């Protein structure tokens, strides 16, 4: 849970609403909190999502489950709580 103000999709302007629609999780239909907090700075949201997409989808020979495991280990080492 973030302590940063988030702009809900129904309160977003047209540009941000369209951006939210692009970054929504295709499997759950939800907007991940780590992306949602960037709503106050749409350019930051676009940059974050571009980086995430490159890292998590840019290596098709590396299985998604393996990429997720690397992300989990890095988060644990860095003591991330999300």
PDB file of N, CA and C in Angstrom:
ATOM      1  N   UNK A   1       0.841  -1.171   0.000  1.00  0.00           N
ATOM      2  CA  UNK A   1       0.000   0.000   0.000  1.00  0.00           C
ATOM      3  C   UNK A   1       0.890   1.241   0.000  1.00  0.00           C
ATOM      4  N   UNK A   2       0.596   2.160  -0.888  1.00  0.00           N
ATOM      5  CA  UNK A   2       1.398   3.377  -0.963  1.00  0.00           C
ATOM      6  C   UNK A   2       0.799   4.462  -0.077  1.00  0.00           C
ATOM      7  N   UNK A   3       1.650   5.377   0.322  1.00  0.00           N
ATOM      8  CA  UNK A   3       1.212   6.535   1.081  1.00  0.00           C
ATOM      9  C   UNK A   3       1.246   7.776   0.202  1.00  0.00           C
ATOM     10  N   UNK A   4       1.428   7.556  -1.084  1.00  0.00           N
ATOM     11  CA  UNK A   4       1.459   8.633  -2.065  1.00  0.00           C
ATOM     12  C   UNK A   4       0.052   8.783  -2.622  1.00  0.00           C
ATOM     13  N   UNK A   5      -0.397  10.016  -2.755  1.00  0.00           N
ATOM     14  CA  UNK A   5      -1.714  10.265  -3.339  1.00  0.00           C
ATOM     15  C   UNK A   5      -1.767   9.642  -4.738  1.00  0.00           C
ATOM     16  N   UNK A   6      -2.846   8.941  -5.004  1.00  0.00           N
ATOM     17  CA  UNK A   6      -3.026   8.325  -6.319  1.00  0.00           C
ATOM     18  C   UNK A   6      -4.268   8.916  -6.973  1.00  0.00           C
ATOM     19  N   UNK A   7      -4.199   9.121  -8.266  1.00  0.00           N
ATOM     20  CA  UNK A   7      -5.336   9.632  -9.018  1.00  0.00           C
ATOM     21  C   UNK A   7      -6.117   8.431  -9.552  1.00  0.00           C
ATOM     22  N   UNK A   8      -7.340   8.214  -9.054  1.00  0.00           N
ATOM     23  CA  UNK A   8      -8.140   7.096  -9.542  1.00  0.00           C
ATOM     24  C   UNK A   8      -8.471   7.268 -11.028  1.00  0.00           C
ATOM     25  N   UNK A   9      -8.606   6.182 -11.751  1.00  0.00           N
ATOM     26  CA  UNK A   9      -8.908   6.282 -13.182  1.00  0.00           C
ATOM     27  C   UNK A   9     -10.137   7.136 -13.485  1.00  0.00           C
ATOM     28  N   UNK A  10     -11.157   7.071 -12.629  1.00  0.00           N
ATOM     29  CA  UNK A  10     -12.370   7.849 -12.908  1.00  0.00           C
ATOM     30  C   UNK A  10     -12.189   9.346 -12.638  1.00  0.00           C
ATOM     31  N   UNK A  11     -11.063   9.739 -12.026  1.00  0.00           N
ATOM     32  CA  UNK A  11     -10.765  11.148 -11.795  1.00  0.00           C
ATOM     33  C   UNK A  11      -9.634  11.649 -12.700  1.00  0.00           C
ATOM     34  N   UNK A  12      -9.082  10.767 -13.502  1.00  0.00           N
ATOM     35  CA  UNK A  12      -7.950  11.121 -14.368  1.00  0.00           C
ATOM     36  C   UNK A  12      -8.431  11.899 -15.586  1.00  0.00           C
ATOM     37  N   UNK A  13      -7.548  12.762 -16.097  1.00  0.00           N
ATOM     38  CA  UNK A  13      -7.879  13.438 -17.346  1.00  0.00           C
ATOM     39  C   UNK A  13      -7.752  12.414 -18.482  1.00  0.00           C
ATOM     40  N   UNK A  14      -8.128  12.822 -19.674  1.00  0.00           N
ATOM     41  CA  UNK A  14      -8.153  11.883 -20.808  1.00  0.00           C
ATOM     42  C   UNK A  14      -6.796  11.252 -21.077  1.00  0.00           C
ATOM     43  N   UNK A  15      -5.723  12.062 -21.016  1.00  0.00           N
ATOM     44  CA  UNK A  15      -4.369  11.528 -21.296  1.00  0.00           C
ATOM     45  C   UNK A  15      -3.982  10.470 -20.271  1.00  0.00           C
ATOM     46  N   UNK A  16      -4.195  10.769 -18.988  1.00  0.00           N
ATOM     47  CA  UNK A  16      -3.816   9.829 -17.938  1.00  0.00           C
ATOM     48  C   UNK A  16      -4.695   8.584 -17.973  1.00  0.00           C
ATOM     49  N   UNK A  17      -5.976   8.764 -18.244  1.00  0.00           N
ATOM     50  CA  UNK A  17      -6.881   7.617 -18.337  1.00  0.00           C
ATOM     51  C   UNK A  17      -6.431   6.668 -19.459  1.00  0.00           C
ATOM     52  N   UNK A  18      -6.025   7.229 -20.582  1.00  0.00           N
ATOM     53  CA  UNK A  18      -5.532   6.409 -21.702  1.00  0.00           C
ATOM     54  C   UNK A  18      -4.235   5.709 -21.324  1.00  0.00           C
ATOM     55  N   UNK A  19      -3.386   6.398 -20.592  1.00  0.00           N
ATOM     56  CA  UNK A  19      -2.124   5.799 -20.137  1.00  0.00           C
ATOM     57  C   UNK A  19      -2.394   4.670 -19.152  1.00  0.00           C
ATOM     58  N   UNK A  20      -3.300   4.891 -18.210  1.00  0.00           N
ATOM     59  CA  UNK A  20      -3.689   3.819 -17.284  1.00  0.00           C
ATOM     60  C   UNK A  20      -4.169   2.595 -18.071  1.00  0.00           C
ATOM     61  N   UNK A  21      -4.974   2.822 -19.092  1.00  0.00           N
ATOM     62  CA  UNK A  21      -5.507   1.705 -19.888  1.00  0.00           C
ATOM     63  C   UNK A  21      -4.371   0.921 -20.557  1.00  0.00           C
ATOM     64  N   UNK A  22      -3.290   1.601 -20.943  1.00  0.00           N
ATOM     65  CA  UNK A  22      -2.145   0.929 -21.569  1.00  0.00           C
ATOM     66  C   UNK A  22      -1.352   0.079 -20.599  1.00  0.00           C
ATOM     67  N   UNK A  23      -1.296   0.502 -19.319  1.00  0.00           N
ATOM     68  CA  UNK A  23      -0.417  -0.183 -18.367  1.00  0.00           C
ATOM     69  C   UNK A  23      -1.153  -1.130 -17.429  1.00  0.00           C
ATOM     70  N   UNK A  24      -2.462  -1.268 -17.605  1.00  0.00           N
ATOM     71  CA  UNK A  24      -3.224  -2.176 -16.756  1.00  0.00           C
ATOM     72  C   UNK A  24      -2.713  -3.609 -16.946  1.00  0.00           C
ATOM     73  N   UNK A  25      -2.726  -4.401 -15.886  1.00  0.00           N
ATOM     74  CA  UNK A  25      -2.268  -5.792 -15.959  1.00  0.00           C
ATOM     75  C   UNK A  25      -3.251  -6.572 -16.832  1.00  0.00           C
ATOM     76  N   UNK A  26      -2.772  -7.147 -17.939  1.00  0.00           N
ATOM     77  CA  UNK A  26      -3.688  -7.850 -18.850  1.00  0.00           C
ATOM     78  C   UNK A  26      -4.305  -9.102 -18.240  1.00  0.00           C
ATOM     79  N   UNK A  27      -3.653  -9.677 -17.248  1.00  0.00           N
ATOM     80  CA  UNK A  27      -4.182 -10.900 -16.638  1.00  0.00           C
ATOM     81  C   UNK A  27      -5.239 -10.618 -15.575  1.00  0.00           C
ATOM     82  N   UNK A  28      -5.081  -9.530 -14.834  1.00  0.00           N
ATOM     83  CA  UNK A  28      -6.015  -9.234 -13.743  1.00  0.00           C
ATOM     84  C   UNK A  28      -6.959  -8.089 -14.056  1.00  0.00           C
ATOM     85  N   UNK A  29      -6.588  -7.262 -15.033  1.00  0.00           N
ATOM     86  CA  UNK A  29      -7.388  -6.093 -15.339  1.00  0.00           C
ATOM     87  C   UNK A  29      -7.212  -4.971 -14.324  1.00  0.00           C
ATOM     88  N   UNK A  30      -6.231  -5.128 -13.430  1.00  0.00           N
ATOM     89  CA  UNK A  30      -5.986  -4.142 -12.375  1.00  0.00           C
ATOM     90  C   UNK A  30      -4.776  -3.274 -12.722  1.00  0.00           C
ATOM     91  N   UNK A  31      -4.753  -2.113 -12.125  1.00  0.00           N
ATOM     92  CA  UNK A  31      -3.615  -1.212 -12.259  1.00  0.00           C
ATOM     93  C   UNK A  31      -2.736  -1.427 -11.039  1.00  0.00           C
ATOM     94  N   UNK A  32      -1.528  -1.934 -11.248  1.00  0.00           N
ATOM     95  CA  UNK A  32      -0.614  -2.205 -10.136  1.00  0.00           C
ATOM     96  C   UNK A  32      -0.279  -0.908  -9.397  1.00  0.00           C
ATOM     97  N   UNK A  33      -0.216  -0.984  -8.069  1.00  0.00           N
ATOM     98  CA  UNK A  33       0.067   0.203  -7.255  1.00  0.00           C
ATOM     99  C   UNK A  33       1.380   0.859  -7.627  1.00  0.00           C
ATOM    100  N   UNK A  34       2.388   0.067  -7.950  1.00  0.00           N
ATOM    101  CA  UNK A  34       3.699   0.632  -8.280  1.00  0.00           C
ATOM    102  C   UNK A  34       3.616   1.530  -9.520  1.00  0.00           C
ATOM    103  N   UNK A  35       2.678   1.242 -10.402  1.00  0.00           N
ATOM    104  CA  UNK A  35       2.461   2.090 -11.573  1.00  0.00           C
ATOM    105  C   UNK A  35       1.474   3.210 -11.257  1.00  0.00           C
ATOM    106  N   UNK A  36       0.458   2.904 -10.479  1.00  0.00           N
ATOM    107  CA  UNK A  36      -0.592   3.861 -10.165  1.00  0.00           C
ATOM    108  C   UNK A  36      -0.046   5.109  -9.466  1.00  0.00           C
ATOM    109  N   UNK A  37       0.954   4.949  -8.601  1.00  0.00           N
ATOM    110  CA  UNK A  37       1.489   6.110  -7.887  1.00  0.00           C
ATOM    111  C   UNK A  37       2.173   7.107  -8.824  1.00  0.00           C
ATOM    112  N   UNK A  38       2.480   6.679 -10.025  1.00  0.00           N
ATOM    113  CA  UNK A  38       3.099   7.585 -11.000  1.00  0.00           C
ATOM    114  C   UNK A  38       2.073   8.485 -11.687  1.00  0.00           C
ATOM    115  N   UNK A  39       0.807   8.330 -11.359  1.00  0.00           N
ATOM    116  CA  UNK A  39      -0.231   9.123 -12.001  1.00  0.00           C
ATOM    117  C   UNK A  39      -0.050  10.620 -11.844  1.00  0.00           C
ATOM    118  N   UNK A  40       0.647  11.030 -10.781  1.00  0.00           N
ATOM    119  CA  UNK A  40       0.906  12.458 -10.588  1.00  0.00           C
ATOM    120  C   UNK A  40       1.938  12.982 -11.580  1.00  0.00           C
ATOM    121  N   UNK A  41       2.678  12.059 -12.210  1.00  0.00           N
ATOM    122  CA  UNK A  41       3.716  12.439 -13.173  1.00  0.00           C
ATOM    123  C   UNK A  41       3.641  11.458 -14.351  1.00  0.00           C
ATOM    124  N   UNK A  42       2.712  11.688 -15.285  1.00  0.00           N
ATOM    125  CA  UNK A  42       2.501  10.741 -16.387  1.00  0.00           C
ATOM    126  C   UNK A  42       3.757  10.401 -17.186  1.00  0.00           C
ATOM    127  N   UNK A  43       4.663  11.359 -17.367  1.00  0.00           N
ATOM    128  CA  UNK A  43       5.903  11.055 -18.100  1.00  0.00           C
ATOM    129  C   UNK A  43       6.730  10.028 -17.338  1.00  0.00           C
ATOM    130  N   UNK A  44       6.724  10.126 -16.009  1.00  0.00           N
ATOM    131  CA  UNK A  44       7.420   9.138 -15.185  1.00  0.00           C
ATOM    132  C   UNK A  44       6.771   7.770 -15.296  1.00  0.00           C
ATOM    133  N   UNK A  45       5.440   7.754 -15.359  1.00  0.00           N
ATOM    134  CA  UNK A  45       4.718   6.491 -15.529  1.00  0.00           C
ATOM    135  C   UNK A  45       5.090   5.842 -16.852  1.00  0.00           C
ATOM    136  N   UNK A  46       5.108   6.626 -17.916  1.00  0.00           N
ATOM    137  CA  UNK A  46       5.488   6.076 -19.226  1.00  0.00           C
ATOM    138  C   UNK A  46       6.909   5.531 -19.206  1.00  0.00           C
ATOM    139  N   UNK A  47       7.829   6.258 -18.599  1.00  0.00           N
ATOM    140  CA  UNK A  47       9.223   5.809 -18.534  1.00  0.00           C
ATOM    141  C   UNK A  47       9.352   4.543 -17.702  1.00  0.00           C
ATOM    142  N   UNK A  48       8.667   4.510 -16.552  1.00  0.00           N
ATOM    143  CA  UNK A  48       8.719   3.329 -15.681  1.00  0.00           C
ATOM    144  C   UNK A  48       8.177   2.110 -16.420  1.00  0.00           C
ATOM    145  N   UNK A  49       7.037   2.281 -17.092  1.00  0.00           N
ATOM    146  CA  UNK A  49       6.437   1.151 -17.783  1.00  0.00           C
ATOM    147  C   UNK A  49       7.302   0.688 -18.954  1.00  0.00           C
ATOM    148  N   UNK A  50       7.928   1.619 -19.653  1.00  0.00           N
ATOM    149  CA  UNK A  50       8.827   1.235 -20.752  1.00  0.00           C
ATOM    150  C   UNK A  50      10.004   0.420 -20.238  1.00  0.00           C
ATOM    151  N   UNK A  51      10.574   0.850 -19.117  1.00  0.00           N
ATOM    152  CA  UNK A  51      11.684   0.102 -18.516  1.00  0.00           C
ATOM    153  C   UNK A  51      11.215  -1.279 -18.066  1.00  0.00           C
ATOM    154  N   UNK A  52      10.087  -1.329 -17.367  1.00  0.00           N
ATOM    155  CA  UNK A  52       9.535  -2.607 -16.897  1.00  0.00           C
ATOM    156  C   UNK A  52       9.296  -3.555 -18.080  1.00  0.00           C
ATOM    157  N   UNK A  53       8.688  -3.022 -19.125  1.00  0.00           N
ATOM    158  CA  UNK A  53       8.397  -3.850 -20.301  1.00  0.00           C
ATOM    159  C   UNK A  53       9.679  -4.381 -20.929  1.00  0.00           C
ATOM    160  N   UNK A  54      10.683  -3.540 -21.052  1.00  0.00           N
ATOM    161  CA  UNK A  54      11.958  -3.977 -21.639  1.00  0.00           C
ATOM    162  C   UNK A  54      12.606  -5.062 -20.797  1.00  0.00           C
ATOM    163  N   UNK A  55      12.569  -4.906 -19.496  1.00  0.00           N
ATOM    164  CA  UNK A  55      13.204  -5.876 -18.601  1.00  0.00           C
ATOM    165  C   UNK A  55      12.417  -7.182 -18.544  1.00  0.00           C
ATOM    166  N   UNK A  56      11.103  -7.083 -18.397  1.00  0.00           N
ATOM    167  CA  UNK A  56      10.301  -8.280 -18.162  1.00  0.00           C
ATOM    168  C   UNK A  56       9.865  -8.996 -19.438  1.00  0.00           C
ATOM    169  N   UNK A  57       9.898  -8.314 -20.563  1.00  0.00           N
ATOM    170  CA  UNK A  57       9.449  -8.958 -21.808  1.00  0.00           C
ATOM    171  C   UNK A  57      10.505  -8.944 -22.901  1.00  0.00           C
ATOM    172  N   UNK A  58      11.635  -8.306 -22.636  1.00  0.00           N
ATOM    173  CA  UNK A  58      12.643  -8.121 -23.667  1.00  0.00           C
ATOM    174  C   UNK A  58      13.546  -9.310 -23.913  1.00  0.00           C
ATOM    175  N   UNK A  59      13.401 -10.350 -23.117  1.00  0.00           N
ATOM    176  CA  UNK A  59      14.241 -11.545 -23.280  1.00  0.00           C
ATOM    177  C   UNK A  59      13.344 -12.765 -23.444  1.00  0.00           C
ATOM    178  N   UNK A  60      12.839 -12.992 -24.651  1.00  0.00           N
ATOM    179  CA  UNK A  60      11.870 -14.062 -24.864  1.00  0.00           C
ATOM    180  C   UNK A  60      12.400 -15.469 -24.567  1.00  0.00           C
ATOM    181  N   UNK A  61      13.716 -15.649 -24.566  1.00  0.00           N
ATOM    182  CA  UNK A  61      14.250 -16.983 -24.269  1.00  0.00           C
ATOM    183  C   UNK A  61      14.380 -17.223 -22.773  1.00  0.00           C
ATOM    184  N   UNK A  62      14.138 -16.193 -21.968  1.00  0.00           N
ATOM    185  CA  UNK A  62      14.187 -16.296 -20.507  1.00  0.00           C
ATOM    186  C   UNK A  62      12.747 -16.343 -20.017  1.00  0.00           C
ATOM    187  N   UNK A  63      12.357 -17.454 -19.416  1.00  0.00           N
ATOM    188  CA  UNK A  63      10.963 -17.653 -19.031  1.00  0.00           C
ATOM    189  C   UNK A  63      10.469 -16.574 -18.060  1.00  0.00           C
ATOM    190  N   UNK A  64       9.194 -16.237 -18.181  1.00  0.00           N
ATOM    191  CA  UNK A  64       8.600 -15.222 -17.300  1.00  0.00           C
ATOM    192  C   UNK A  64       8.779 -15.603 -15.836  1.00  0.00           C
ATOM    193  N   UNK A  65       8.584 -16.845 -15.504  1.00  0.00           N
ATOM    194  CA  UNK A  65       8.712 -17.270 -14.107  1.00  0.00           C
ATOM    195  C   UNK A  65      10.135 -17.019 -13.599  1.00  0.00           C
ATOM    196  N   UNK A  66      11.135 -17.198 -14.465  1.00  0.00           N
ATOM    197  CA  UNK A  66      12.528 -16.943 -14.072  1.00  0.00           C
ATOM    198  C   UNK A  66      12.776 -15.446 -13.875  1.00  0.00           C
ATOM    199  N   UNK A  67      12.223 -14.618 -14.766  1.00  0.00           N
ATOM    200  CA  UNK A  67      12.363 -13.162 -14.609  1.00  0.00           C
ATOM    201  C   UNK A  67      11.705 -12.701 -13.310  1.00  0.00           C
ATOM    202  N   UNK A  68      10.536 -13.255 -13.005  1.00  0.00           N
ATOM    203  CA  UNK A  68       9.837 -12.899 -11.764  1.00  0.00           C
ATOM    204  C   UNK A  68      10.653 -13.335 -10.547  1.00  0.00           C
ATOM    205  N   UNK A  69      11.301 -14.488 -10.626  1.00  0.00           N
ATOM    206  CA  UNK A  69      12.114 -14.961  -9.508  1.00  0.00           C
ATOM    207  C   UNK A  69      13.315 -14.036  -9.288  1.00  0.00           C
ATOM    208  N   UNK A  70      13.949 -13.597 -10.367  1.00  0.00           N
ATOM    209  CA  UNK A  70      15.065 -12.657 -10.243  1.00  0.00           C
ATOM    210  C   UNK A  70      14.567 -11.366  -9.590  1.00  0.00           C
ATOM    211  N   UNK A  71      13.417 -10.870 -10.026  1.00  0.00           N
ATOM    212  CA  UNK A  71      12.858  -9.643  -9.442  1.00  0.00           C
ATOM    213  C   UNK A  71      12.566  -9.831  -7.960  1.00  0.00           C
ATOM    214  N   UNK A  72      12.045 -10.990  -7.584  1.00  0.00           N
ATOM    215  CA  UNK A  72      11.751 -11.273  -6.182  1.00  0.00           C
ATOM    216  C   UNK A  72      13.026 -11.284  -5.346  1.00  0.00           C
ATOM    217  N   UNK A  73      14.053 -11.953  -5.831  1.00  0.00           N
ATOM    218  CA  UNK A  73      15.320 -12.030  -5.095  1.00  0.00           C
ATOM    219  C   UNK A  73      15.948 -10.646  -4.961  1.00  0.00           C
ATOM    220  N   UNK A  74      15.951  -9.871  -6.043  1.00  0.00           N
ATOM    221  CA  UNK A  74      16.523  -8.522  -5.975  1.00  0.00           C
ATOM    222  C   UNK A  74      15.746  -7.671  -4.978  1.00  0.00           C
ATOM    223  N   UNK A  75      14.419  -7.760  -4.994  1.00  0.00           N
ATOM    224  CA  UNK A  75      13.614  -7.017  -4.030  1.00  0.00           C
ATOM    225  C   UNK A  75      13.921  -7.434  -2.601  1.00  0.00           C
ATOM    226  N   UNK A  76      14.080  -8.726  -2.373  1.00  0.00           N
ATOM    227  CA  UNK A  76      14.397  -9.217  -1.026  1.00  0.00           C
ATOM    228  C   UNK A  76      15.768  -8.716  -0.567  1.00  0.00           C
ATOM    229  N   UNK A  77      16.751  -8.786  -1.455  1.00  0.00           N
ATOM    230  CA  UNK A  77      18.103  -8.317  -1.121  1.00  0.00           C
ATOM    231  C   UNK A  77      18.080  -6.820  -0.799  1.00  0.00           C
ATOM    232  N   UNK A  78      17.261  -6.064  -1.531  1.00  0.00           N
ATOM    233  CA  UNK A  78      17.160  -4.624  -1.333  1.00  0.00           C
ATOM    234  C   UNK A  78      16.173  -4.251  -0.219  1.00  0.00           C
ATOM    235  N   UNK A  79      15.632  -5.282   0.434  1.00  0.00           N
ATOM    236  CA  UNK A  79      14.679  -5.099   1.530  1.00  0.00           C
ATOM    237  C   UNK A  79      13.448  -4.294   1.138  1.00  0.00           C
ATOM    238  N   UNK A  80      12.983  -4.512  -0.107  1.00  0.00           N
ATOM    239  CA  UNK A  80      11.739  -3.885  -0.555  1.00  0.00           C
ATOM    240  C   UNK A  80      10.574  -4.601   0.114  1.00  0.00           C
ATOM    241  N   UNK A  81       9.569  -3.840   0.514  1.00  0.00           N
ATOM    242  CA  UNK A  81       8.432  -4.449   1.190  1.00  0.00           C
ATOM    243  C   UNK A  81       7.201  -4.517   0.302  1.00  0.00           C
ATOM    244  N   UNK A  82       7.333  -4.288  -0.977  1.00  0.00           N
ATOM    245  CA  UNK A  82       6.173  -4.383  -1.848  1.00  0.00           C
ATOM    246  C   UNK A  82       6.340  -5.481  -2.845  1.00  0.00           C
TER     247      UNK A  82
END
